[in-house]
Every structure is written in structure tokens, then in C-alpha cells.
Protein backbone atom coordinates (compact mmCIF):
# COMPACT_ATOMS: atom_id res chain seq x y z
CA UNK A 1 5.55 125.18 80.75
CA UNK A 2 4.64 121.56 80.71
CA UNK A 3 7.83 119.45 80.65
CA UNK A 4 7.25 118.20 77.12
CA UNK A 5 7.32 121.94 75.79
CA UNK A 6 11.28 121.78 77.96
CA UNK A 7 13.99 121.54 74.94
CA UNK A 8 15.63 117.96 74.96
CA UNK A 9 16.65 116.58 78.57
CA UNK A 10 14.27 113.13 78.41
CA UNK A 11 16.34 111.53 80.97
CA UNK A 12 16.07 114.19 83.49
CA UNK A 13 12.34 114.94 82.61
CA UNK A 14 11.25 110.98 83.13
CA UNK A 15 13.51 110.92 86.47
CA UNK A 16 11.65 113.92 87.84
CA UNK A 17 8.27 112.64 86.91
CA UNK A 18 9.58 109.28 88.54
CA UNK A 19 10.39 110.98 91.88
CA UNK A 20 7.07 112.13 92.49
CA UNK A 21 4.98 109.18 91.23
CA UNK A 22 7.28 107.16 93.04
CA UNK A 23 6.90 109.36 96.38
CA UNK A 24 10.78 110.07 96.73
CA UNK A 25 10.84 113.61 96.10
CA UNK A 26 13.34 115.23 97.82
CA UNK A 27 12.79 118.50 99.78
CA UNK A 28 15.50 120.25 98.28
CA UNK A 29 16.90 119.62 94.62
CA UNK A 30 20.05 121.67 93.28
CA UNK A 31 19.73 121.73 89.45
CA UNK A 32 23.42 122.66 87.58
CA UNK A 33 23.33 123.40 84.06
CA UNK A 34 25.81 125.39 81.84
CA UNK A 35 24.42 128.40 80.09
CA UNK A 36 21.36 127.57 77.28
CA UNK A 37 21.26 123.74 78.57
CA UNK A 38 17.61 124.59 80.13
CA UNK A 39 18.17 124.08 83.90
CA UNK A 40 15.60 127.12 84.81
CA UNK A 41 12.93 126.02 82.00
CA UNK A 42 13.28 122.36 83.23
CA UNK A 43 13.03 123.15 86.80
CA UNK A 44 10.12 125.87 86.38
CA UNK A 45 8.50 122.98 84.75
CA UNK A 46 8.75 120.59 86.93
CA UNK A 47 7.77 123.36 89.73
CA UNK A 48 4.08 123.74 87.67
CA UNK A 49 3.95 120.01 87.58
CA UNK A 50 4.24 119.97 91.13
CA UNK A 51 1.77 122.14 92.37
CA UNK A 52 -0.53 121.27 89.76
CA UNK A 53 -1.23 118.18 91.88
CA UNK A 54 -4.21 118.74 94.19
CA UNK A 55 -4.12 118.41 97.76
CA UNK A 56 -5.98 115.35 98.28
CA UNK A 57 -6.14 115.91 101.93
CA UNK A 58 -7.76 119.29 101.69
CA UNK A 59 -11.51 117.71 101.87
CA UNK A 60 -10.78 114.44 103.82
CA UNK A 61 -13.26 113.08 106.11
CA UNK A 62 -12.11 112.88 109.75
CA UNK A 63 -9.98 110.01 111.03
CA UNK A 64 -10.64 110.98 114.61
CA UNK A 65 -12.82 112.01 117.05
CA UNK A 66 -11.53 115.53 116.61
CA UNK A 67 -11.40 115.56 112.88
CA UNK A 68 -8.11 115.13 111.84
CA UNK A 69 -7.87 114.19 108.19
CA UNK A 70 -6.16 110.67 107.55
CA UNK A 71 -2.85 111.08 105.61
CA UNK A 72 -3.86 110.20 101.91
CA UNK A 73 -1.33 109.62 98.83
CA UNK A 74 -1.91 112.41 96.36
CA UNK A 75 -3.32 110.79 93.06
CA UNK A 76 -0.92 110.35 90.63
CA UNK A 77 -0.94 112.50 86.88
CA UNK A 78 0.81 112.15 84.13
CA UNK A 79 2.98 115.72 82.82
CA UNK A 80 -0.08 115.65 80.19
CA UNK A 81 -2.76 115.01 82.15
CA UNK A 82 -1.59 117.71 84.44
CA UNK A 83 -2.32 120.44 81.71
CA UNK A 84 -6.10 119.88 82.19
CA UNK A 85 -6.28 120.75 85.34
CA UNK A 86 -7.56 124.26 86.56
CA UNK A 87 -4.46 124.53 88.69
CA UNK A 88 -2.35 124.19 85.89
CA UNK A 89 -3.67 127.21 84.13
CA UNK A 90 -2.78 129.40 87.21
CA UNK A 91 0.90 127.63 87.38
CA UNK A 92 1.44 128.05 83.72
CA UNK A 93 0.85 131.96 84.52
CA UNK A 94 3.39 131.83 87.45
CA UNK A 95 0.23 132.98 89.14
CA UNK A 96 -0.49 129.84 91.51
CA UNK A 97 -0.40 130.45 95.26
CA UNK A 98 1.71 127.63 95.94
CA UNK A 99 4.46 128.38 93.52
CA UNK A 100 7.04 130.98 94.75
CA UNK A 101 9.99 132.68 93.00
CA UNK A 102 13.39 134.20 94.26
CA UNK A 103 16.26 135.49 91.97
CA UNK A 104 18.65 138.15 91.50
CA UNK A 105 17.28 141.39 92.10
CA UNK A 106 18.19 145.15 92.78
CA UNK A 107 17.22 148.11 95.11
CA UNK A 108 14.68 150.20 93.25
CA UNK A 109 15.32 153.21 95.28
CA UNK A 110 16.98 154.03 98.58
CA UNK A 111 15.71 152.98 101.21
CA UNK A 112 13.24 150.23 99.59
CA UNK A 113 13.86 146.50 100.23
CA UNK A 114 15.61 144.49 97.68
CA UNK A 115 12.62 141.86 97.02
CA UNK A 116 11.80 139.62 94.37
CA UNK A 117 8.38 140.21 94.84
CA UNK A 118 9.09 143.54 93.32
CA UNK A 119 9.60 142.20 89.80
CA UNK A 120 7.45 139.87 89.67
CA UNK A 121 6.01 140.95 86.60
CA UNK A 122 8.97 141.25 84.91
CA UNK A 123 9.71 138.00 86.21
CA UNK A 124 6.47 136.16 84.77
CA UNK A 125 7.28 138.11 81.22
CA UNK A 126 11.19 136.94 81.39
CA UNK A 127 10.11 133.16 81.73
CA UNK A 128 7.25 133.43 79.37
CA UNK A 129 9.45 135.07 76.62
CA UNK A 130 13.04 134.21 77.39
CA UNK A 131 13.38 131.02 79.59
CA UNK A 132 16.73 130.38 78.05
CA UNK A 133 17.77 133.92 79.17
CA UNK A 134 20.83 134.29 81.76
CA UNK A 135 21.14 136.28 84.36
CA UNK A 136 22.82 139.59 82.33
CA UNK A 137 19.53 139.24 80.28
CA UNK A 138 17.25 139.49 83.14
CA UNK A 139 18.99 142.39 84.85
CA UNK A 140 18.69 144.17 81.35
CA UNK A 141 15.39 143.39 81.41
CA UNK A 142 14.70 145.28 84.32
CA UNK A 143 17.43 148.00 83.72
CA UNK A 144 19.66 147.30 86.22
CA UNK A 145 22.16 148.98 84.31
CA UNK A 146 25.16 149.10 86.97
CA UNK A 147 23.88 147.55 89.69
CA UNK A 148 24.88 144.50 90.66
CA UNK A 149 21.92 141.90 91.70
CA UNK A 150 21.86 139.79 94.28
CA UNK A 151 19.27 137.65 96.74
CA UNK A 152 19.20 139.99 99.63
CA UNK A 153 19.03 139.48 103.51
CA UNK A 154 15.31 140.75 103.09
CA UNK A 155 14.59 138.58 100.67
CA UNK A 156 15.68 135.21 103.04
CA UNK A 157 13.44 136.87 105.48
CA UNK A 158 10.58 136.98 103.20
CA UNK A 159 11.15 133.42 101.96
CA UNK A 160 11.01 131.94 105.75
CA UNK A 161 7.78 134.01 106.09
CA UNK A 162 5.74 132.76 102.76
CA UNK A 163 6.95 128.96 103.50
CA UNK A 164 5.81 129.29 106.92
CA UNK A 165 2.30 129.29 105.46
CA UNK A 166 0.58 125.86 105.07
CA UNK A 167 -0.20 124.87 101.45
CA UNK A 168 -3.54 127.07 99.72
CA UNK A 169 -4.19 124.24 97.26
CA UNK A 170 -1.75 121.72 96.35
CA UNK A 171 -0.14 119.12 97.65
CA UNK A 172 2.89 120.82 97.54
CA UNK A 173 4.47 124.38 98.08
CA UNK A 174 7.31 125.13 96.14
CA UNK A 175 10.31 127.56 95.94
CA UNK A 176 12.04 127.93 92.88
CA UNK A 177 15.18 130.36 93.66
CA UNK A 178 17.14 130.82 90.74
CA UNK A 179 21.00 131.77 90.75
CA UNK A 180 21.87 130.91 94.51
CA UNK A 181 24.87 131.92 93.93
CA UNK A 182 23.96 135.44 94.46
CA UNK A 183 22.93 134.83 97.99
CA UNK A 184 26.43 135.21 99.31
CA UNK A 185 26.65 134.72 103.18
CA UNK A 186 23.14 135.84 103.59
CA UNK A 187 22.29 131.96 102.66
CA UNK A 188 23.02 130.93 106.52
CA UNK A 189 19.90 132.17 106.72
CA UNK A 190 18.02 129.72 105.10
CA UNK A 191 19.84 126.76 106.24
CA UNK A 192 17.42 125.66 108.90
CA UNK A 193 14.50 125.84 106.67
CA UNK A 194 16.08 124.06 103.85
CA UNK A 195 17.29 121.24 106.31
CA UNK A 196 13.96 121.02 108.22
CA UNK A 197 11.41 122.66 105.84
CA UNK A 198 7.55 122.42 106.56
CA UNK A 199 5.40 119.52 105.48
CA UNK A 200 5.38 119.00 101.90
CA UNK A 201 7.85 122.22 101.32
CA UNK A 202 10.02 121.51 97.71
CA UNK A 203 13.21 123.88 97.46
CA UNK A 204 14.14 123.77 93.71
CA UNK A 205 17.40 125.81 93.00
CA UNK A 206 18.49 126.50 89.54
CA UNK A 207 22.53 127.21 89.34
CA UNK A 208 24.95 127.26 86.51
CA UNK A 209 28.07 126.29 89.02
CA UNK A 210 28.17 124.56 92.12
CA UNK A 211 31.33 126.26 93.12
CA UNK A 212 29.84 129.82 94.20
CA UNK A 213 27.39 128.65 96.00
CA UNK A 214 27.71 127.91 100.40
CA UNK A 215 28.95 124.08 101.18
CA UNK A 216 26.50 124.42 103.87
CA UNK A 217 23.72 124.60 101.47
CA UNK A 218 24.97 122.32 98.90
CA UNK A 219 25.20 119.19 101.57
CA UNK A 220 21.34 119.88 101.69
CA UNK A 221 20.24 119.49 98.22
CA UNK A 222 19.96 116.43 95.90
CA UNK A 223 22.08 117.06 92.76
CA UNK A 224 20.93 116.69 89.24
CA UNK A 225 23.43 117.90 86.70
CA UNK A 226 21.86 119.12 83.75
CA UNK A 227 23.81 118.68 80.60
CA UNK A 228 24.32 120.70 77.20
CA UNK A 229 21.52 120.12 74.39
CA UNK A 230 22.47 117.95 71.76
CA UNK A 231 23.02 119.47 68.23
CA UNK A 232 19.90 117.66 66.71
CA UNK A 233 18.07 118.63 69.78
CA UNK A 234 18.87 122.66 68.88
CA UNK A 235 17.94 122.14 65.38
CA UNK A 236 15.07 120.28 66.37
CA UNK A 237 13.73 123.08 68.64
CA UNK A 238 14.79 125.98 65.95
CA UNK A 239 12.74 124.46 63.23
CA UNK A 240 9.91 123.79 65.42
CA UNK A 241 9.73 126.55 67.90
CA UNK A 242 11.17 128.94 65.62
CA UNK A 243 10.35 127.89 62.09
CA UNK A 244 13.81 128.20 60.91
CA UNK A 245 14.69 126.41 57.77
CA UNK A 246 16.03 123.25 58.49
CA UNK A 247 19.18 124.12 56.57
CA UNK A 248 19.99 127.33 58.30
CA UNK A 249 18.70 125.48 61.80
CA UNK A 250 21.65 123.02 61.36
CA UNK A 251 24.13 125.33 60.30
CA UNK A 252 23.40 127.49 63.73
CA UNK A 253 23.14 124.44 65.73
CA UNK A 254 25.82 123.06 64.55
CA UNK A 255 28.36 126.03 66.02
CA UNK A 256 26.08 126.85 69.16
CA UNK A 257 28.13 124.38 71.68
CA UNK A 258 24.73 123.06 73.03
CA UNK A 259 23.92 126.63 74.29
CA UNK A 260 20.18 127.33 72.86
CA UNK A 261 20.58 131.22 74.16
CA UNK A 262 23.24 131.35 71.95
CA UNK A 263 21.74 129.90 69.13
CA UNK A 264 18.77 132.31 69.64
CA UNK A 265 21.49 135.35 69.56
CA UNK A 266 23.37 133.72 66.22
CA UNK A 267 19.69 134.26 64.65
CA UNK A 268 19.52 137.82 65.32
CA UNK A 269 22.69 138.37 63.44
CA UNK A 270 23.54 137.95 59.65
CA UNK A 271 26.55 135.53 59.39
CA UNK A 272 27.53 137.78 56.40
CA UNK A 273 27.69 140.61 58.43
CA UNK A 274 29.67 138.77 60.88
CA UNK A 275 32.32 137.11 58.58
CA UNK A 276 32.69 140.38 57.17
CA UNK A 277 33.70 141.90 60.60
CA UNK A 278 35.99 139.29 61.10
CA UNK A 279 37.74 139.64 57.71
CA UNK A 280 38.38 143.03 58.34
CA UNK A 281 39.49 142.75 61.59
CA UNK A 282 42.19 140.33 60.88
CA UNK A 283 43.26 142.09 57.46
CA UNK A 284 43.60 145.11 59.63
CA UNK A 285 45.51 143.37 62.15
CA UNK A 286 47.36 141.53 60.07
CA UNK A 287 48.29 143.83 56.76
CA UNK A 288 46.61 147.33 57.38
CA UNK A 289 48.20 148.46 60.52
CA UNK A 290 47.83 150.98 63.51
CA UNK A 291 45.46 153.12 61.53
CA UNK A 292 43.23 150.29 59.91
CA UNK A 293 43.06 148.73 63.49
CA UNK A 294 42.00 152.19 65.21
CA UNK A 295 39.27 152.90 62.71
CA UNK A 296 37.88 149.04 63.01
CA UNK A 297 37.57 149.31 66.30
CA UNK A 298 35.92 152.81 66.60
CA UNK A 299 33.33 151.09 64.73
CA UNK A 300 33.24 148.20 66.54
CA UNK A 301 32.88 150.08 70.13
CA UNK A 302 29.56 151.73 68.54
CA UNK A 303 27.97 148.21 68.47
CA UNK A 304 26.83 147.96 72.22
CA UNK A 305 27.85 145.35 74.68
CA UNK A 306 25.70 142.47 74.02
CA UNK A 307 26.23 142.64 69.90
CA UNK A 308 30.14 142.91 70.71
CA UNK A 309 29.91 139.78 72.72
CA UNK A 310 27.91 138.05 70.57
CA UNK A 311 30.24 139.12 67.94
CA UNK A 312 33.05 137.48 70.22
CA UNK A 313 31.58 134.30 70.69
CA UNK A 314 30.74 134.13 66.83
CA UNK A 315 34.17 134.51 66.16
CA UNK A 316 35.07 132.17 68.79
CA UNK A 317 32.87 129.17 67.69
CA UNK A 318 33.99 129.98 64.14
CA UNK A 319 37.78 129.07 65.07
CA UNK A 320 36.92 126.16 66.66
CA UNK A 321 34.95 124.75 63.78
CA UNK A 322 38.61 125.34 61.67
CA UNK A 323 40.23 123.13 64.50
CA UNK A 324 37.94 120.78 64.18
CA UNK A 325 38.76 121.19 60.37
CA UNK A 326 41.97 120.17 60.43
CA UNK A 327 41.50 117.12 62.63
CA UNK A 328 38.43 115.98 60.94
CA UNK A 329 39.16 116.79 57.68
CA UNK A 330 35.91 118.23 55.06
CA UNK A 331 33.79 116.11 56.78
CA UNK A 332 32.28 118.54 58.83
CA UNK A 333 29.04 119.71 57.67
CA UNK A 334 28.84 123.77 57.62
CA UNK A 335 27.84 126.16 55.51
CA UNK A 336 30.03 126.56 52.42
CA UNK A 337 30.83 130.24 53.22
CA UNK A 338 31.74 129.39 56.69
CA UNK A 339 33.41 126.31 55.42
CA UNK A 340 35.61 128.71 53.20
CA UNK A 341 36.41 130.73 55.70
CA UNK A 342 37.66 128.81 58.22
CA UNK A 343 39.47 126.89 55.79
CA UNK A 344 41.30 130.26 55.01
CA UNK A 345 42.16 130.76 58.70
CA UNK A 346 43.82 127.18 58.66
CA UNK A 347 46.05 128.62 56.07
CA UNK A 348 47.52 131.35 58.35
CA UNK A 349 47.77 129.73 61.96
CA UNK A 350 48.33 126.28 63.50
CA UNK A 351 46.13 124.64 66.13
CA UNK A 352 48.07 125.79 68.92
CA UNK A 353 47.79 129.31 67.49
CA UNK A 354 44.04 128.79 67.07
CA UNK A 355 43.33 127.87 70.54
CA UNK A 356 45.75 130.51 72.16
CA UNK A 357 43.01 133.03 70.24
CA UNK A 358 40.37 131.15 71.82
CA UNK A 359 41.50 131.66 74.62
CA UNK A 360 41.97 135.30 74.39
CA UNK A 361 38.28 135.45 73.12
CA UNK A 362 36.94 133.88 75.78
CA UNK A 363 39.03 136.29 78.38
CA UNK A 364 37.38 138.80 76.17
CA UNK A 365 33.61 137.89 76.57
CA UNK A 366 34.34 138.16 80.20
CA UNK A 367 35.46 141.38 80.59
CA UNK A 368 32.82 142.67 78.08
CA UNK A 369 30.13 140.91 80.53
CA UNK A 370 31.85 143.13 83.59
CA UNK A 371 31.80 146.69 81.55
CA UNK A 372 35.19 146.58 80.24
CA UNK A 373 36.19 149.75 78.02
CA UNK A 374 35.57 148.21 74.54
CA UNK A 375 38.16 150.50 72.68
CA UNK A 376 40.89 149.29 74.97
CA UNK A 377 39.62 145.74 74.93
CA UNK A 378 39.49 145.03 71.12
CA UNK A 379 42.91 147.08 70.41
CA UNK A 380 44.44 144.96 72.98
CA UNK A 381 43.55 141.77 71.03
CA UNK A 382 44.53 143.07 67.92
CA UNK A 383 48.11 143.32 69.43
CA UNK A 384 47.50 139.90 70.99
CA UNK A 385 46.53 137.97 67.77
CA UNK A 386 49.34 140.21 66.03
CA UNK A 387 52.03 138.20 67.97
CA UNK A 388 49.81 134.86 68.07
CA UNK A 389 49.92 134.44 64.48
CA UNK A 390 53.53 136.03 64.07
CA UNK A 391 53.38 137.91 61.07
CA UNK A 392 52.35 135.26 58.57
CA UNK A 393 50.66 136.65 55.23
CA UNK A 394 46.76 136.24 55.79
CA UNK A 395 44.72 135.84 52.53
CA UNK A 396 41.09 136.30 53.88
CA UNK A 397 39.41 138.37 50.79
CA UNK A 398 36.43 137.00 48.96
CA UNK A 399 36.86 133.47 46.76
């Protein structure tokens, strides 16, 4: 993956290249960004750029009587020039000998070690096919089921062992660690290595939040904040990468909240289906009574956890657009069906009520991700919505 293939983040891309070309590359960099902003693909593309730089010291002539090579500065290459080098071909396939990865994984069977290397083929497929995915997506791809992923003590020992060797062909050897939040106290085993790494060893850590990372690791890293993508960046990516109709791409980008993963998930579902489902739910809550609610909950609980989560997020985004319509009027660009529905919701609830429902939906997504019972969760949400809206008459029929 070339840096140019990473969506948006143009300032950060240039900053990273400048760090290499001006010899200001820190030995430990922490990328922190919200879901769908591209912190992982940015770090992976940067790692591939670094390890593709040839080691100009390998064949250097001896500078003293014992033949020790004189230190030289690696030749500078632009990101586009890197793509033509043989080393980049191996790096792009995540098979370069100086490019290493560590990420949350599971113990496959009792007695075996929990090592990232056990899932390297799955990791390559994940990065090449779904680089904007989150930890849930990753653990689902390795069939973790109810197992909790983590970066184990055995994995830390393996990292220390791998990075103790000299680089094979690159000017640098690089470790990309995804989600250091999953290290826990085991991260203390890596402190000395991160603080005093072997020559030309680079740590690239990628996290969703710095709050759960050990302070002792944070203090040893250069911090790079990866911002949310802009609506225009997501819209352009959907058109160019997903070959989506520009009008449809604009609608999805407008409600994806800077999250490209969210945009991809919204593409997988029909807006009309979600709108119908929301309409039926609200009518069941406010007009149909307990039996109608139970029927709706029974059907929704069969959807599966990921579709349920995407439904809740879609509802959340729709309410956020409703709030913006109240503030901005009809100037907000929305699909006519979405705008009509948002305006109908605005007739039954004020800004404070909508914000309260948004908070409840956020909590529900959190609990769905942690295997909450869907029937209990959606029934509880229905009761909360009823009290928030306070029995106002609901008119959500088709226009």
C-alpha cells in the first residue's frame, strides 16, 4: 500500500515523508485515531515505505583496516519512487523480512502460545482486503467467537527476539503494533526495547485511544494524532475506490461522521430497509403497544450482532441529521427520503429529546459489541424512548 493510496490525511503523509528525508525519524511513533480515520493503513503504508529503502551500508567499502563500513546516509526516495523498487513488492505483500507485525490474537488450542505469527496469513488478507476494519472485524475474521483477543507475554518475548537481529536488506527494520491497548501490564516487558532499541529499529504503534495504553509506553513515543476524514474525502474514496454513484456517495459520506468503515457498512445495507425498520419500531413504541414491540424485537433479534449494530448506528446518524436540520433549516444536503423522515422525527421530539435518544443508542452499540442479549436490549431501549418522547403523537407514515 502506497501512502498515496491511503484516504485523505495529506498533511500527515507529507509530515511522515519529511521525517525520513530529513533524518528526523523517531524510534517510536504512536498513531492515534478514531475508528475509520485510517490510522492503521497510514502506519502500514509508512512502514512499507520505510523498509523499502535499500540499506546502502550493506556493500559499502571498508573504512578501516578491519573492513568496517563507513556510515552512510540512506539514499532518499519519494513514495512514488519506492513503488518501483523490488523491496516494495515484498513489503506490499506484507512479506518483507524487515517488516514485522504484532496485533491482538487468541490462543488457538490449550497449551499453544498466543502469537501474532500464528495468524499472519489472516492478517495479510485483512490488511489487503479491509484495512479500515476495527478489532471486532479482525477477531471475527479469525473466528475468535467469544474469546478475548490480547497481546500476550509470549508475543512480547517474540518481539524482543525478532528485533534483536540485524536488518536483512532494508536500511531499517520496523514493527507495526496494532492496538497496544491490548498489551496490558505485559507491555512492561517491552519498555527497555522501546526506549533503547537496536540501531535503525522503528516502532509504529497504532491505537484508537491513548487512555488505555501504559503511561510508561506513552512517554517513550512520538505522538501523531490522526483526525477524522472529511466528508469530501470519504465521498471521493467511495466514488474512486468503490465505484459508487456520486450522488449516493455524497449521501453516505454525509452521515458517516468521518468514518470510512462506517461508510462501507452503510453501503452494505439498503437505506429504505433501515428507514422502514426505524419507522416500524417507533410506531410500535408509541402507538402499537407491548405486543407490537415484542413482535418487532423478536424479528430484529434474529438479524445478527453486526447488522444490529449498524442499524443502531444508522438510526443514530439519522437523529444527528434531524438535529442539524433543526439548527440549519433545509440547507443541509440530504436524500429526499432521509430529509422527509428526519423532519417527521423533528415534529415529535425537541433537540434535548433527540440528544437523549442518541446517547441511549451509543450505549446500546457499546453493549451489542459486548454480547448483550438483543431482546432485552431492544425492549429496554423501547421503554426508554417512550419516556423520552413522553407520549407525543407519532406520524411517521409514508408521505
